[in-house]
Amino acid sequence: MNTTLIRNSNPNDTDSVYSLLCIIAELHKNGRPDMFPDLISKYTPQEVYERLSKDENGVFVAEQDGRVVGYVFCDIIKEGNGLTLYIDDLCVDPDVRSRGIGRMLIDRAKEYAAEKNCGFLMLNVWEFNENAVAFYEKYGFSTRTRHMELKI
């Protein structure tokens, strides 16, 4: 079994992280073609590179045998009287899912949140993404607010 290392990302991870972002984009295209018919990626390769080039970028990657197999993008936001760590994006390569890598990435995000004095972790997940919803609920996340829509 491969050993997984969770580490801070760096600009050399740009291509790997971008490839994983494209996997998530495809999931969104399939799940909501009305909203994402032409989506290639949430971020351009340049935007990924710029994010990974910051000294403290809040992006962690999962690596196996020198290959990036997952990532988590974290942003700290001010809410009320405190700070919350917002998980902007998380992906694990489909070839290595269900091996605890997603949990390891969330664990690292949780550690980062504690380091930055955040009181909560927060994320958004699309209802069509049943596997992600189940994963987050199993980890212990619960619904905080609900976004509703009416198609016109």
Protein backbone atom coordinates (compact mmCIF):
# COMPACT_ATOMS: atom_id res chain seq x y z
CA MET A 1 0.00 0.00 0.00
CA ASN A 2 1.23 3.49 -0.87
CA THR A 3 2.13 5.93 1.87
CA THR A 4 0.30 9.22 1.60
CA LEU A 5 2.04 12.45 2.55
CA ILE A 6 -0.04 15.56 3.23
CA ARG A 7 2.09 18.64 2.65
CA ASN A 8 1.98 22.32 1.82
CA SER A 9 1.56 22.89 -1.88
CA ASN A 10 4.06 24.75 -4.02
CA PRO A 11 4.10 26.16 -7.58
CA ASN A 12 5.48 22.86 -8.94
CA ASP A 13 2.10 21.29 -8.08
CA THR A 14 0.22 23.57 -10.49
CA ASP A 15 -0.30 21.05 -13.32
CA SER A 16 -1.38 18.25 -10.98
CA VAL A 17 -3.79 20.44 -9.01
CA TYR A 18 -5.20 21.89 -12.23
CA SER A 19 -5.81 18.37 -13.59
CA LEU A 20 -7.76 17.49 -10.46
CA LEU A 21 -9.74 20.74 -10.74
CA CYS A 22 -10.74 19.61 -14.24
CA ILE A 23 -12.10 16.35 -12.79
CA ILE A 24 -14.29 18.34 -10.41
CA ALA A 25 -15.40 20.60 -13.27
CA GLU A 26 -16.54 17.55 -15.24
CA LEU A 27 -18.56 16.39 -12.23
CA HIS A 28 -20.23 19.80 -12.08
CA LYS A 29 -20.92 19.82 -15.83
CA ASN A 30 -22.62 16.44 -15.53
CA GLY A 31 -24.48 17.30 -12.33
CA ARG A 32 -25.70 20.76 -13.41
CA PRO A 33 -25.37 21.11 -17.18
CA ASP A 34 -27.79 24.04 -17.01
CA MET A 35 -25.26 26.01 -14.94
CA PHE A 36 -21.91 24.63 -16.07
CA PRO A 37 -22.24 23.63 -19.75
CA ASP A 38 -18.75 24.81 -20.73
CA LEU A 39 -16.86 24.60 -17.46
CA ILE A 40 -13.29 23.40 -17.85
CA SER A 41 -12.00 24.31 -14.38
CA LYS A 42 -12.96 26.54 -11.48
CA TYR A 43 -9.60 28.29 -11.86
CA THR A 44 -7.25 28.82 -14.78
CA PRO A 45 -3.76 27.30 -14.68
CA GLN A 46 -2.40 30.83 -14.10
CA GLU A 47 -4.74 31.38 -11.14
CA VAL A 48 -3.68 28.04 -9.65
CA TYR A 49 -0.02 28.93 -10.13
CA GLU A 50 -0.52 32.32 -8.48
CA ARG A 51 -2.33 30.76 -5.52
CA LEU A 52 0.37 28.13 -5.06
CA SER A 53 3.09 30.79 -5.33
CA LYS A 54 1.97 32.71 -2.25
CA ASP A 55 4.12 32.17 0.85
CA GLU A 56 1.09 31.12 2.86
CA ASN A 57 -1.40 29.85 0.35
CA GLY A 58 -3.72 27.64 2.40
CA VAL A 59 -3.48 24.81 -0.11
CA PHE A 60 -2.43 21.33 0.94
CA VAL A 61 -1.81 18.36 -1.31
CA ALA A 62 -1.84 14.62 -0.83
CA GLU A 63 1.15 12.94 -2.44
CA GLN A 64 1.84 9.27 -3.14
CA ASP A 65 5.09 8.14 -4.72
CA GLY A 66 5.86 11.70 -5.81
CA ARG A 67 2.45 12.14 -7.48
CA VAL A 68 -0.19 14.61 -6.26
CA VAL A 69 -3.41 12.63 -5.77
CA GLY A 70 -5.52 15.20 -3.94
CA TYR A 71 -5.74 18.75 -2.67
CA VAL A 72 -7.70 21.03 -0.38
CA PHE A 73 -7.99 24.82 -0.88
CA CYS A 74 -8.53 26.73 2.38
CA ASP A 75 -9.46 30.36 2.93
CA ILE A 76 -9.82 32.16 6.24
CA ILE A 77 -12.87 34.39 6.49
CA LYS A 78 -14.12 36.68 9.24
CA GLU A 79 -17.57 35.82 10.52
CA GLY A 80 -19.23 37.60 13.41
CA ASN A 81 -16.69 37.83 16.22
CA GLY A 82 -14.33 35.19 14.95
CA LEU A 83 -12.65 33.41 12.08
CA THR A 84 -13.84 30.46 10.02
CA LEU A 85 -11.79 28.28 7.73
CA TYR A 86 -13.67 27.96 4.45
CA ILE A 87 -12.82 24.89 2.40
CA ASP A 88 -13.06 26.34 -1.07
CA ASP A 89 -12.35 23.10 -2.91
CA LEU A 90 -11.31 19.52 -2.22
CA CYS A 91 -10.58 16.71 -4.65
CA VAL A 92 -9.07 13.25 -4.49
CA ASP A 93 -8.09 11.45 -7.68
CA PRO A 94 -10.87 8.92 -8.49
CA ASP A 95 -8.24 6.16 -8.78
CA VAL A 96 -7.35 6.45 -5.08
CA ARG A 97 -10.67 7.37 -3.47
CA SER A 98 -12.03 5.52 -0.44
CA ARG A 99 -8.55 5.12 1.03
CA GLY A 100 -8.75 7.85 3.67
CA ILE A 101 -7.03 10.57 1.64
CA GLY A 102 -10.00 12.94 1.78
CA ARG A 103 -10.14 12.49 5.55
CA MET A 104 -6.42 13.22 5.78
CA LEU A 105 -6.86 16.43 3.79
CA ILE A 106 -9.76 17.56 5.99
CA ASP A 107 -7.69 16.68 9.08
CA ARG A 108 -4.90 18.94 7.78
CA ALA A 109 -7.40 21.73 7.06
CA LYS A 110 -8.67 21.33 10.63
CA GLU A 111 -5.12 21.61 12.00
CA TYR A 112 -4.54 24.70 9.86
CA ALA A 113 -7.77 26.20 11.18
CA ALA A 114 -6.59 25.65 14.77
CA GLU A 115 -3.20 27.21 13.93
CA LYS A 116 -5.03 30.30 12.61
CA ASN A 117 -7.46 30.47 15.56
CA CYS A 118 -10.51 29.62 13.49
CA GLY A 119 -13.55 28.38 15.35
CA PHE A 120 -15.20 26.49 12.49
CA LEU A 121 -14.66 24.71 9.21
CA MET A 122 -17.22 25.51 6.54
CA LEU A 123 -17.79 24.40 2.95
CA ASN A 124 -20.40 24.28 0.24
CA VAL A 125 -21.39 21.09 -1.53
CA TRP A 126 -23.83 20.60 -4.39
CA GLU A 127 -26.81 18.38 -3.61
CA PHE A 128 -26.24 16.34 -6.77
CA ASN A 129 -22.82 15.31 -5.44
CA GLU A 130 -24.21 12.59 -3.19
CA ASN A 131 -20.82 10.95 -2.59
CA ALA A 132 -19.34 14.24 -1.34
CA VAL A 133 -22.37 14.95 0.85
CA ALA A 134 -22.08 11.48 2.40
CA PHE A 135 -18.32 11.91 2.93
CA TYR A 136 -18.72 15.27 4.69
CA GLU A 137 -21.58 14.02 6.86
CA LYS A 138 -19.55 10.95 7.84
CA TYR A 139 -16.70 13.26 8.82
CA GLY A 140 -19.10 15.19 11.08
CA PHE A 141 -20.15 18.19 9.02
CA SER A 142 -23.78 19.26 9.35
CA THR A 143 -25.98 21.66 7.43
CA ARG A 144 -25.50 25.21 8.63
CA THR A 145 -27.51 27.15 6.06
CA ARG A 146 -29.36 26.18 2.96
CA HIS A 147 -29.27 27.85 -0.45
CA MET A 148 -32.48 27.35 -2.38
CA GLU A 149 -33.29 28.13 -5.99
CA LEU A 150 -36.26 28.54 -8.26
CA LYS A 151 -35.70 27.93 -11.96
CA ILE A 152 -37.19 30.64 -14.12
